[in-house]
Amino acid sequence: MRLKVRELVWETRFLARLGQTWPERMSIAKLVAKLYTARLMPFKTHRWETTILVRGAKYVVGVRTSEIFIFHEIYESLQYARHADFIPQSGWTVFDVGANIGVFTVLQATQGARVYSFEPNPDSYSRLSRNVAANNLSDRVRLFPTALGDERGVGSLHVIAGGTTGGVVTPVEADAAASGVAVPIATLDEVVSTLPSSSIDLLKIDAEGSEAAILRGGERTLDRVQRIMVEYHSRDLLRQVREILARKGFAQEIIVDYYAEDAAAGQDEVGILYARRPHQPPQ
């Protein structure tokens, strides 16, 4: 109980900072009330959602999920906005792989980017699609209810109860049964071959350990990518990602939020790798 209360205090303080207008603060207060009820009351089966207003955008959020942490990553710790050259501009083409409920997608689309969003979790995808529609962004955002990997196939999605931000997709052999939620897997090259875009200004990947596989399945696509942000969950995964990007000509890179979790808890190092192609000198 003490841990739950401590988490709620942190969430309350963060959410209070998130609201900037009176309607935003009222919608967030409603979310906080539902968070307290959901965390402190014994019934566990009710699936709650609520709508909040943040920085002029509208989001449907799962109350019994970890989705509010995405707002902390994007709006408070600015994990994807540490370097000006990686902040999408109007007219950019952005790929959001691991979009969850679409906080990053909506933010970039409202600023004028064309966004292609991928999310295999059916619960998250439902909220993602509603969030895009609620913000009138259907003309700027194309959604894909699929995971990405190094081969086309079927995957098994496993999530910790309620934790929709931490779903892991594992490929399933053709003759095996999926133990989790069955989701389709495509390759980035396969998808991009059907799209009109010739250049990708920013590729953002947060796929809970599948990042290297996604890059291997996008070898041809990487030739079109100018900038990339990849979340990694281990030192070995970081090494694999850097090897792939170096081979494809990404020379400038910066690591942010590189920290070691509690080793006793069995966690590994986590961070975000920013990488881009070298600036070409004028002809």
C-alpha atoms as a PDB file:
ATOM      1  CA  MET A   1       0.000   0.000   0.000  1.00  0.00           C
ATOM      2  CA  ARG A   2       2.845   2.408   0.846  1.00  0.00           C
ATOM      3  CA  LEU A   3       4.358   1.874  -2.631  1.00  0.00           C
ATOM      4  CA  LYS A   4       1.005   2.577  -4.292  1.00  0.00           C
ATOM      5  CA  VAL A   5       0.585   5.796  -2.340  1.00  0.00           C
ATOM      6  CA  ARG A   6       4.142   6.900  -3.221  1.00  0.00           C
ATOM      7  CA  GLU A   7       3.458   6.235  -6.915  1.00  0.00           C
ATOM      8  CA  LEU A   8       0.206   8.163  -6.749  1.00  0.00           C
ATOM      9  CA  VAL A   9       1.897  11.164  -5.137  1.00  0.00           C
ATOM     10  CA  TRP A  10       4.489  11.252  -7.938  1.00  0.00           C
ATOM     11  CA  GLU A  11       1.813  10.869 -10.612  1.00  0.00           C
ATOM     12  CA  THR A  12      -0.339  13.579  -9.046  1.00  0.00           C
ATOM     13  CA  ARG A  13       2.530  16.065  -8.927  1.00  0.00           C
ATOM     14  CA  PHE A  14       3.598  15.343 -12.483  1.00  0.00           C
ATOM     15  CA  LEU A  15       0.065  15.520 -13.875  1.00  0.00           C
ATOM     16  CA  ALA A  16      -0.566  18.794 -12.029  1.00  0.00           C
ATOM     17  CA  ARG A  17       2.403  20.298 -13.884  1.00  0.00           C
ATOM     18  CA  LEU A  18       1.124  18.979 -17.193  1.00  0.00           C
ATOM     19  CA  GLY A  19      -2.078  21.040 -17.318  1.00  0.00           C
ATOM     20  CA  GLN A  20      -1.663  24.599 -18.559  1.00  0.00           C
ATOM     21  CA  THR A  21      -5.252  25.810 -19.023  1.00  0.00           C
ATOM     22  CA  TRP A  22      -8.332  25.499 -16.855  1.00  0.00           C
ATOM     23  CA  PRO A  23      -9.993  22.817 -19.073  1.00  0.00           C
ATOM     24  CA  GLU A  24      -6.721  20.865 -19.126  1.00  0.00           C
ATOM     25  CA  ARG A  25      -6.417  21.005 -15.334  1.00  0.00           C
ATOM     26  CA  MET A  26     -10.030  19.879 -14.905  1.00  0.00           C
ATOM     27  CA  SER A  27      -9.565  16.896 -17.236  1.00  0.00           C
ATOM     28  CA  ILE A  28      -6.354  15.922 -15.439  1.00  0.00           C
ATOM     29  CA  ALA A  29      -8.037  16.238 -12.046  1.00  0.00           C
ATOM     30  CA  LYS A  30     -10.637  13.759 -13.284  1.00  0.00           C
ATOM     31  CA  LEU A  31      -7.841  11.374 -14.314  1.00  0.00           C
ATOM     32  CA  VAL A  32      -6.143  11.725 -10.918  1.00  0.00           C
ATOM     33  CA  ALA A  33      -9.412  10.890  -9.145  1.00  0.00           C
ATOM     34  CA  LYS A  34      -9.775   7.751 -11.256  1.00  0.00           C
ATOM     35  CA  LEU A  35      -6.147   6.809 -10.615  1.00  0.00           C
ATOM     36  CA  TYR A  36      -6.687   6.960  -6.865  1.00  0.00           C
ATOM     37  CA  THR A  37      -9.858   4.878  -7.109  1.00  0.00           C
ATOM     38  CA  ALA A  38      -8.278   2.308  -9.419  1.00  0.00           C
ATOM     39  CA  ARG A  39      -5.085   1.914  -7.357  1.00  0.00           C
ATOM     40  CA  LEU A  40      -6.527   1.949  -3.874  1.00  0.00           C
ATOM     41  CA  MET A  41      -9.791   0.023  -4.305  1.00  0.00           C
ATOM     42  CA  PRO A  42      -9.760  -3.778  -4.379  1.00  0.00           C
ATOM     43  CA  PHE A  43     -11.747  -4.467  -7.570  1.00  0.00           C
ATOM     44  CA  LYS A  44      -9.434  -5.191 -10.471  1.00  0.00           C
ATOM     45  CA  THR A  45     -11.560  -6.235 -13.417  1.00  0.00           C
ATOM     46  CA  HIS A  46     -13.116  -2.950 -14.499  1.00  0.00           C
ATOM     47  CA  ARG A  47     -11.407  -1.486 -17.588  1.00  0.00           C
ATOM     48  CA  TRP A  48     -11.381   2.288 -17.255  1.00  0.00           C
ATOM     49  CA  GLU A  49     -10.555   4.959 -19.758  1.00  0.00           C
ATOM     50  CA  THR A  50     -10.711   8.722 -19.487  1.00  0.00           C
ATOM     51  CA  THR A  51     -10.062  11.663 -21.787  1.00  0.00           C
ATOM     52  CA  ILE A  52      -7.522  14.335 -20.908  1.00  0.00           C
ATOM     53  CA  LEU A  53      -6.528  17.580 -22.595  1.00  0.00           C
ATOM     54  CA  VAL A  54      -2.806  18.285 -22.857  1.00  0.00           C
ATOM     55  CA  ARG A  55      -1.173  21.229 -24.625  1.00  0.00           C
ATOM     56  CA  GLY A  56      -4.201  21.729 -26.841  1.00  0.00           C
ATOM     57  CA  ALA A  57      -4.600  18.055 -27.797  1.00  0.00           C
ATOM     58  CA  LYS A  58      -7.120  15.445 -26.651  1.00  0.00           C
ATOM     59  CA  TYR A  59      -6.109  11.948 -25.532  1.00  0.00           C
ATOM     60  CA  VAL A  60      -8.028   8.864 -24.442  1.00  0.00           C
ATOM     61  CA  VAL A  61      -5.909   7.192 -21.744  1.00  0.00           C
ATOM     62  CA  GLY A  62      -6.250   3.817 -20.066  1.00  0.00           C
ATOM     63  CA  VAL A  63      -6.502   4.401 -16.315  1.00  0.00           C
ATOM     64  CA  ARG A  64      -5.301   0.934 -15.309  1.00  0.00           C
ATOM     65  CA  THR A  65      -2.248   1.143 -17.560  1.00  0.00           C
ATOM     66  CA  SER A  66       1.188   2.742 -17.538  1.00  0.00           C
ATOM     67  CA  GLU A  67       0.256   5.101 -20.367  1.00  0.00           C
ATOM     68  CA  ILE A  68       0.480   8.321 -18.376  1.00  0.00           C
ATOM     69  CA  PHE A  69       4.248   7.757 -18.116  1.00  0.00           C
ATOM     70  CA  ILE A  70       4.473   8.490 -21.859  1.00  0.00           C
ATOM     71  CA  PHE A  71       3.371  12.060 -21.133  1.00  0.00           C
ATOM     72  CA  HIS A  72       6.224  12.345 -18.628  1.00  0.00           C
ATOM     73  CA  GLU A  73       8.736  11.075 -21.210  1.00  0.00           C
ATOM     74  CA  ILE A  74       7.590  13.468 -23.914  1.00  0.00           C
ATOM     75  CA  TYR A  75       6.436  16.612 -22.115  1.00  0.00           C
ATOM     76  CA  GLU A  76       8.537  16.695 -18.943  1.00  0.00           C
ATOM     77  CA  SER A  77      11.787  14.779 -19.422  1.00  0.00           C
ATOM     78  CA  LEU A  78      11.764  15.626 -23.171  1.00  0.00           C
ATOM     79  CA  GLN A  79      13.396  12.336 -24.066  1.00  0.00           C
ATOM     80  CA  TYR A  80      12.716  12.787 -27.782  1.00  0.00           C
ATOM     81  CA  ALA A  81      13.476  16.508 -27.935  1.00  0.00           C
ATOM     82  CA  ARG A  82      16.982  16.791 -26.514  1.00  0.00           C
ATOM     83  CA  HIS A  83      18.518  18.000 -29.772  1.00  0.00           C
ATOM     84  CA  ALA A  84      16.998  20.663 -32.006  1.00  0.00           C
ATOM     85  CA  ASP A  85      17.926  18.929 -35.258  1.00  0.00           C
ATOM     86  CA  PHE A  86      15.762  15.941 -34.269  1.00  0.00           C
ATOM     87  CA  ILE A  87      12.597  17.919 -33.473  1.00  0.00           C
ATOM     88  CA  PRO A  88      10.206  17.395 -36.412  1.00  0.00           C
ATOM     89  CA  GLN A  89       9.270  20.389 -38.518  1.00  0.00           C
ATOM     90  CA  SER A  90       6.214  21.081 -40.637  1.00  0.00           C
ATOM     91  CA  GLY A  91       6.411  19.017 -43.804  1.00  0.00           C
ATOM     92  CA  TRP A  92       8.636  16.276 -42.359  1.00  0.00           C
ATOM     93  CA  THR A  93       7.859  12.595 -42.830  1.00  0.00           C
ATOM     94  CA  VAL A  94       8.030  10.828 -39.458  1.00  0.00           C
ATOM     95  CA  PHE A  95       7.766   7.117 -38.640  1.00  0.00           C
ATOM     96  CA  ASP A  96       6.624   6.320 -35.090  1.00  0.00           C
ATOM     97  CA  VAL A  97       7.347   2.630 -34.437  1.00  0.00           C
ATOM     98  CA  GLY A  98       5.864   1.642 -31.093  1.00  0.00           C
ATOM     99  CA  ALA A  99       3.342   4.487 -31.030  1.00  0.00           C
ATOM    100  CA  ASN A 100       1.285   3.212 -28.077  1.00  0.00           C
ATOM    101  CA  ILE A 101      -1.673   5.613 -27.678  1.00  0.00           C
ATOM    102  CA  GLY A 102      -0.118   8.194 -29.973  1.00  0.00           C
ATOM    103  CA  VAL A 103       1.268  10.970 -27.776  1.00  0.00           C
ATOM    104  CA  PHE A 104       4.368  11.381 -29.966  1.00  0.00           C
ATOM    105  CA  THR A 105       2.319  10.861 -33.127  1.00  0.00           C
ATOM    106  CA  VAL A 106      -0.269  13.500 -32.250  1.00  0.00           C
ATOM    107  CA  LEU A 107       2.380  15.985 -31.134  1.00  0.00           C
ATOM    108  CA  GLN A 108       4.291  15.742 -34.415  1.00  0.00           C
ATOM    109  CA  ALA A 109       1.187  15.721 -36.626  1.00  0.00           C
ATOM    110  CA  THR A 110      -0.226  18.829 -34.958  1.00  0.00           C
ATOM    111  CA  GLN A 111       3.054  20.558 -35.771  1.00  0.00           C
ATOM    112  CA  GLY A 112       2.626  19.749 -39.455  1.00  0.00           C
ATOM    113  CA  ALA A 113       4.505  16.462 -39.922  1.00  0.00           C
ATOM    114  CA  ARG A 114       3.204  13.515 -41.941  1.00  0.00           C
ATOM    115  CA  VAL A 115       3.296  10.548 -39.546  1.00  0.00           C
ATOM    116  CA  TYR A 116       3.193   6.776 -40.099  1.00  0.00           C
ATOM    117  CA  SER A 117       2.426   5.048 -36.785  1.00  0.00           C
ATOM    118  CA  PHE A 118       2.842   1.388 -35.854  1.00  0.00           C
ATOM    119  CA  GLU A 119       1.282  -0.215 -32.764  1.00  0.00           C
ATOM    120  CA  PRO A 120       0.575  -3.968 -32.395  1.00  0.00           C
ATOM    121  CA  ASN A 121      -1.157  -3.923 -28.976  1.00  0.00           C
ATOM    122  CA  PRO A 122      -4.920  -3.992 -29.720  1.00  0.00           C
ATOM    123  CA  ASP A 123      -5.807  -1.974 -26.586  1.00  0.00           C
ATOM    124  CA  SER A 124      -3.224   0.716 -27.291  1.00  0.00           C
ATOM    125  CA  TYR A 125      -4.084   0.742 -30.992  1.00  0.00           C
ATOM    126  CA  SER A 126      -7.742   1.360 -30.189  1.00  0.00           C
ATOM    127  CA  ARG A 127      -6.832   4.446 -28.186  1.00  0.00           C
ATOM    128  CA  LEU A 128      -4.246   5.507 -30.781  1.00  0.00           C
ATOM    129  CA  SER A 129      -6.830   5.495 -33.569  1.00  0.00           C
ATOM    130  CA  ARG A 130      -9.359   7.384 -31.454  1.00  0.00           C
ATOM    131  CA  ASN A 131      -6.755   9.964 -30.444  1.00  0.00           C
ATOM    132  CA  VAL A 132      -5.815  10.615 -34.064  1.00  0.00           C
ATOM    133  CA  ALA A 133      -9.489  11.029 -34.989  1.00  0.00           C
ATOM    134  CA  ALA A 134     -10.289  13.198 -31.938  1.00  0.00           C
ATOM    135  CA  ASN A 135      -7.573  15.656 -32.951  1.00  0.00           C
ATOM    136  CA  ASN A 136      -8.696  15.729 -36.602  1.00  0.00           C
ATOM    137  CA  LEU A 137      -5.388  14.341 -37.815  1.00  0.00           C
ATOM    138  CA  SER A 138      -6.556  11.482 -40.028  1.00  0.00           C
ATOM    139  CA  ASP A 139      -5.301  13.324 -43.107  1.00  0.00           C
ATOM    140  CA  ARG A 140      -1.769  13.546 -41.654  1.00  0.00           C
ATOM    141  CA  VAL A 141      -1.460  10.193 -39.871  1.00  0.00           C
ATOM    142  CA  ARG A 142      -1.580   6.673 -41.281  1.00  0.00           C
ATOM    143  CA  LEU A 143      -1.957   3.856 -38.774  1.00  0.00           C
ATOM    144  CA  PHE A 144      -0.675   0.281 -38.892  1.00  0.00           C
ATOM    145  CA  PRO A 145      -1.936  -2.276 -36.324  1.00  0.00           C
ATOM    146  CA  THR A 146       1.172  -4.391 -36.687  1.00  0.00           C
ATOM    147  CA  ALA A 147       4.535  -5.123 -35.144  1.00  0.00           C
ATOM    148  CA  LEU A 148       7.724  -4.762 -37.167  1.00  0.00           C
ATOM    149  CA  GLY A 149      10.574  -7.244 -37.281  1.00  0.00           C
ATOM    150  CA  ASP A 150      13.226  -8.806 -39.494  1.00  0.00           C
ATOM    151  CA  GLU A 151      10.774 -11.250 -41.127  1.00  0.00           C
ATOM    152  CA  ARG A 152       7.114 -11.238 -42.041  1.00  0.00           C
ATOM    153  CA  GLY A 153       5.032 -13.529 -39.833  1.00  0.00           C
ATOM    154  CA  VAL A 154       3.019 -13.774 -36.646  1.00  0.00           C
ATOM    155  CA  GLY A 155       4.139 -12.724 -33.196  1.00  0.00           C
ATOM    156  CA  SER A 156       3.018 -13.339 -29.648  1.00  0.00           C
ATOM    157  CA  LEU A 157       2.452 -10.155 -27.638  1.00  0.00           C
ATOM    158  CA  HIS A 158       3.089 -10.397 -23.894  1.00  0.00           C
ATOM    159  CA  VAL A 159       2.283  -7.554 -21.509  1.00  0.00           C
ATOM    160  CA  ILE A 160       2.412  -7.174 -17.759  1.00  0.00           C
ATOM    161  CA  ALA A 161      -1.147  -6.815 -16.493  1.00  0.00           C
ATOM    162  CA  GLY A 162      -2.228  -3.307 -17.390  1.00  0.00           C
ATOM    163  CA  GLY A 163       1.240  -2.247 -18.531  1.00  0.00           C
ATOM    164  CA  THR A 164       0.549  -1.444 -22.161  1.00  0.00           C
ATOM    165  CA  THR A 165       3.807   0.508 -22.545  1.00  0.00           C
ATOM    166  CA  GLY A 166       5.951  -2.586 -21.997  1.00  0.00           C
ATOM    167  CA  GLY A 167       4.554  -5.141 -24.430  1.00  0.00           C
ATOM    168  CA  VAL A 168       7.090  -7.569 -25.924  1.00  0.00           C
ATOM    169  CA  VAL A 169       6.450  -9.240 -29.289  1.00  0.00           C
ATOM    170  CA  THR A 170       8.121 -12.605 -29.915  1.00  0.00           C
ATOM    171  CA  PRO A 171       7.982 -14.241 -33.372  1.00  0.00           C
ATOM    172  CA  VAL A 172       6.024 -17.497 -33.437  1.00  0.00           C
ATOM    173  CA  GLU A 173       7.003 -20.450 -35.604  1.00  0.00           C
ATOM    174  CA  ALA A 174       4.462 -21.354 -38.282  1.00  0.00           C
ATOM    175  CA  ASP A 175       3.538 -24.643 -36.615  1.00  0.00           C
ATOM    176  CA  ALA A 176       3.442 -23.274 -33.052  1.00  0.00           C
ATOM    177  CA  ALA A 177       0.601 -21.698 -31.069  1.00  0.00           C
ATOM    178  CA  ALA A 178       0.987 -18.185 -29.670  1.00  0.00           C
ATOM    179  CA  SER A 179       0.868 -18.116 -25.882  1.00  0.00           C
ATOM    180  CA  GLY A 180       0.044 -14.410 -25.752  1.00  0.00           C
ATOM    181  CA  VAL A 181      -1.990 -12.173 -28.026  1.00  0.00           C
ATOM    182  CA  ALA A 182      -1.341 -13.068 -31.663  1.00  0.00           C
ATOM    183  CA  VAL A 183      -0.262 -10.029 -33.699  1.00  0.00           C
ATOM    184  CA  PRO A 184       0.961  -9.668 -37.297  1.00  0.00           C
ATOM    185  CA  ILE A 185       4.618  -8.876 -37.970  1.00  0.00           C
ATOM    186  CA  ALA A 186       5.712  -7.013 -41.094  1.00  0.00           C
ATOM    187  CA  THR A 187       9.101  -5.679 -42.139  1.00  0.00           C
ATOM    188  CA  LEU A 188       9.817  -1.988 -42.514  1.00  0.00           C
ATOM    189  CA  ASP A 189      11.018  -2.579 -46.069  1.00  0.00           C
ATOM    190  CA  GLU A 190       7.775  -4.342 -46.938  1.00  0.00           C
ATOM    191  CA  VAL A 191       5.615  -1.514 -45.612  1.00  0.00           C
ATOM    192  CA  VAL A 192       7.664   1.334 -47.044  1.00  0.00           C
ATOM    193  CA  SER A 193       7.618  -0.256 -50.501  1.00  0.00           C
ATOM    194  CA  THR A 194       3.854   0.420 -50.599  1.00  0.00           C
ATOM    195  CA  LEU A 195       4.092   4.075 -49.510  1.00  0.00           C
ATOM    196  CA  PRO A 196       4.601   7.208 -51.612  1.00  0.00           C
ATOM    197  CA  SER A 197       7.252   8.735 -49.363  1.00  0.00           C
ATOM    198  CA  SER A 198      10.722   8.868 -50.915  1.00  0.00           C
ATOM    199  CA  SER A 199      12.533  10.270 -47.864  1.00  0.00           C
ATOM    200  CA  ILE A 200      12.034   9.743 -44.129  1.00  0.00           C
ATOM    201  CA  ASP A 201      13.127  12.720 -42.079  1.00  0.00           C
ATOM    202  CA  LEU A 202      12.863  10.948 -38.711  1.00  0.00           C
ATOM    203  CA  LEU A 203      12.495   7.309 -37.693  1.00  0.00           C
ATOM    204  CA  LYS A 204      11.640   6.828 -34.008  1.00  0.00           C
ATOM    205  CA  ILE A 205      11.668   3.272 -32.615  1.00  0.00           C
ATOM    206  CA  ASP A 206      10.579   2.183 -29.144  1.00  0.00           C
ATOM    207  CA  ALA A 207       9.756  -1.506 -29.404  1.00  0.00           C
ATOM    208  CA  GLU A 208      10.819  -3.019 -26.073  1.00  0.00           C
ATOM    209  CA  GLY A 209      13.778  -5.018 -27.307  1.00  0.00           C
ATOM    210  CA  SER A 210      12.864  -5.556 -30.980  1.00  0.00           C
ATOM    211  CA  GLU A 211      14.780  -2.521 -32.228  1.00  0.00           C
ATOM    212  CA  ALA A 212      17.680  -4.379 -33.886  1.00  0.00           C
ATOM    213  CA  ALA A 213      15.298  -6.801 -35.602  1.00  0.00           C
ATOM    214  CA  ILE A 214      13.270  -3.857 -36.915  1.00  0.00           C
ATOM    215  CA  LEU A 215      16.401  -2.253 -38.352  1.00  0.00           C
ATOM    216  CA  ARG A 216      17.457  -5.544 -39.973  1.00  0.00           C
ATOM    217  CA  GLY A 217      14.035  -5.699 -41.605  1.00  0.00           C
ATOM    218  CA  GLY A 218      14.503  -2.166 -42.899  1.00  0.00           C
ATOM    219  CA  GLU A 219      17.940  -2.322 -44.539  1.00  0.00           C
ATOM    220  CA  ARG A 220      16.673  -0.744 -47.787  1.00  0.00           C
ATOM    221  CA  THR A 221      14.511   1.762 -45.946  1.00  0.00           C
ATOM    222  CA  LEU A 222      17.447   3.020 -43.881  1.00  0.00           C
ATOM    223  CA  ASP A 223      18.955   4.422 -47.081  1.00  0.00           C
ATOM    224  CA  ARG A 224      16.022   6.877 -47.103  1.00  0.00           C
ATOM    225  CA  VAL A 225      16.247   7.843 -43.415  1.00  0.00           C
ATOM    226  CA  GLN A 226      17.957  11.079 -42.390  1.00  0.00           C
ATOM    227  CA  ARG A 227      17.632  10.849 -38.590  1.00  0.00           C
ATOM    228  CA  ILE A 228      16.801   8.086 -36.169  1.00  0.00           C
ATOM    229  CA  MET A 229      15.996   7.797 -32.456  1.00  0.00           C
ATOM    230  CA  VAL A 230      16.155   4.297 -31.002  1.00  0.00           C
ATOM    231  CA  GLU A 231      15.392   3.270 -27.445  1.00  0.00           C
ATOM    232  CA  TYR A 232      17.578   0.391 -26.287  1.00  0.00           C
ATOM    233  CA  HIS A 233      17.178  -1.908 -23.298  1.00  0.00           C
ATOM    234  CA  SER A 234      20.607  -3.475 -22.958  1.00  0.00           C
ATOM    235  CA  ARG A 235      24.237  -2.800 -23.796  1.00  0.00           C
ATOM    236  CA  ASP A 236      24.164  -5.677 -26.286  1.00  0.00           C
ATOM    237  CA  LEU A 237      21.129  -4.221 -28.049  1.00  0.00           C
ATOM    238  CA  LEU A 238      22.878  -0.850 -28.236  1.00  0.00           C
ATOM    239  CA  ARG A 239      25.913  -2.523 -29.817  1.00  0.00           C
ATOM    240  CA  GLN A 240      23.742  -4.239 -32.442  1.00  0.00           C
ATOM    241  CA  VAL A 241      21.919  -1.011 -33.288  1.00  0.00           C
ATOM    242  CA  ARG A 242      25.145   0.976 -33.632  1.00  0.00           C
ATOM    243  CA  GLU A 243      26.678  -1.661 -35.908  1.00  0.00           C
ATOM    244  CA  ILE A 244      23.669  -1.599 -38.231  1.00  0.00           C
ATOM    245  CA  LEU A 245      23.526   2.194 -38.354  1.00  0.00           C
ATOM    246  CA  ALA A 246      27.270   2.552 -38.947  1.00  0.00           C
ATOM    247  CA  ARG A 247      27.023   0.127 -41.847  1.00  0.00           C
ATOM    248  CA  LYS A 248      24.212   2.220 -43.329  1.00  0.00           C
ATOM    249  CA  GLY A 249      26.145   5.483 -43.145  1.00  0.00           C
ATOM    250  CA  PHE A 250      24.911   7.059 -39.904  1.00  0.00           C
ATOM    251  CA  ALA A 251      28.024   8.746 -38.548  1.00  0.00           C
ATOM    252  CA  GLN A 252      26.856  11.290 -35.978  1.00  0.00           C
ATOM    253  CA  GLU A 253      25.319   9.885 -32.838  1.00  0.00           C
ATOM    254  CA  ILE A 254      24.523  10.930 -29.288  1.00  0.00           C
ATOM    255  CA  ILE A 255      23.359   8.788 -26.383  1.00  0.00           C
ATOM    256  CA  VAL A 256      20.937  10.265 -23.867  1.00  0.00           C
ATOM    257  CA  ASP A 257      19.424   8.938 -20.668  1.00  0.00           C
ATOM    258  CA  TYR A 258      22.087   6.255 -20.477  1.00  0.00           C
ATOM    259  CA  TYR A 259      21.647   4.824 -17.020  1.00  0.00           C
ATOM    260  CA  ALA A 260      21.852   1.511 -15.229  1.00  0.00           C
ATOM    261  CA  GLU A 261      18.802   0.252 -13.439  1.00  0.00           C
ATOM    262  CA  ASP A 262      19.016  -1.645 -10.171  1.00  0.00           C
ATOM    263  CA  ALA A 263      21.094  -4.696 -11.060  1.00  0.00           C
ATOM    264  CA  ALA A 264      19.545  -6.627  -8.181  1.00  0.00           C
ATOM    265  CA  ALA A 265      16.174  -6.223  -9.874  1.00  0.00           C
ATOM    266  CA  GLY A 266      17.512  -7.930 -12.972  1.00  0.00           C
ATOM    267  CA  GLN A 267      17.291  -4.791 -15.098  1.00  0.00           C
ATOM    268  CA  ASP A 268      19.751  -3.731 -17.759  1.00  0.00           C
ATOM    269  CA  GLU A 269      20.895  -0.413 -19.131  1.00  0.00           C
ATOM    270  CA  VAL A 270      18.334   1.729 -20.891  1.00  0.00           C
ATOM    271  CA  GLY A 271      18.682   4.792 -23.065  1.00  0.00           C
ATOM    272  CA  ILE A 272      17.931   6.495 -26.358  1.00  0.00           C
ATOM    273  CA  LEU A 273      20.364   6.650 -29.239  1.00  0.00           C
ATOM    274  CA  TYR A 274      20.108   9.679 -31.529  1.00  0.00           C
ATOM    275  CA  ALA A 275      21.836   9.170 -34.878  1.00  0.00           C
ATOM    276  CA  ARG A 276      21.856  11.067 -38.167  1.00  0.00           C
ATOM    277  CA  ARG A 277      23.619  11.162 -41.449  1.00  0.00           C
ATOM    278  CA  PRO A 278      26.502  13.629 -41.737  1.00  0.00           C
ATOM    279  CA  HIS A 279      25.551  17.037 -43.058  1.00  0.00           C
ATOM    280  CA  GLN A 280      26.459  17.196 -46.699  1.00  0.00           C
ATOM    281  CA  PRO A 281      28.563  20.225 -47.710  1.00  0.00           C
ATOM    282  CA  PRO A 282      26.918  22.523 -50.283  1.00  0.00           C
ATOM    283  CA  GLN A 283      27.811  21.775 -53.904  1.00  0.00           C
END
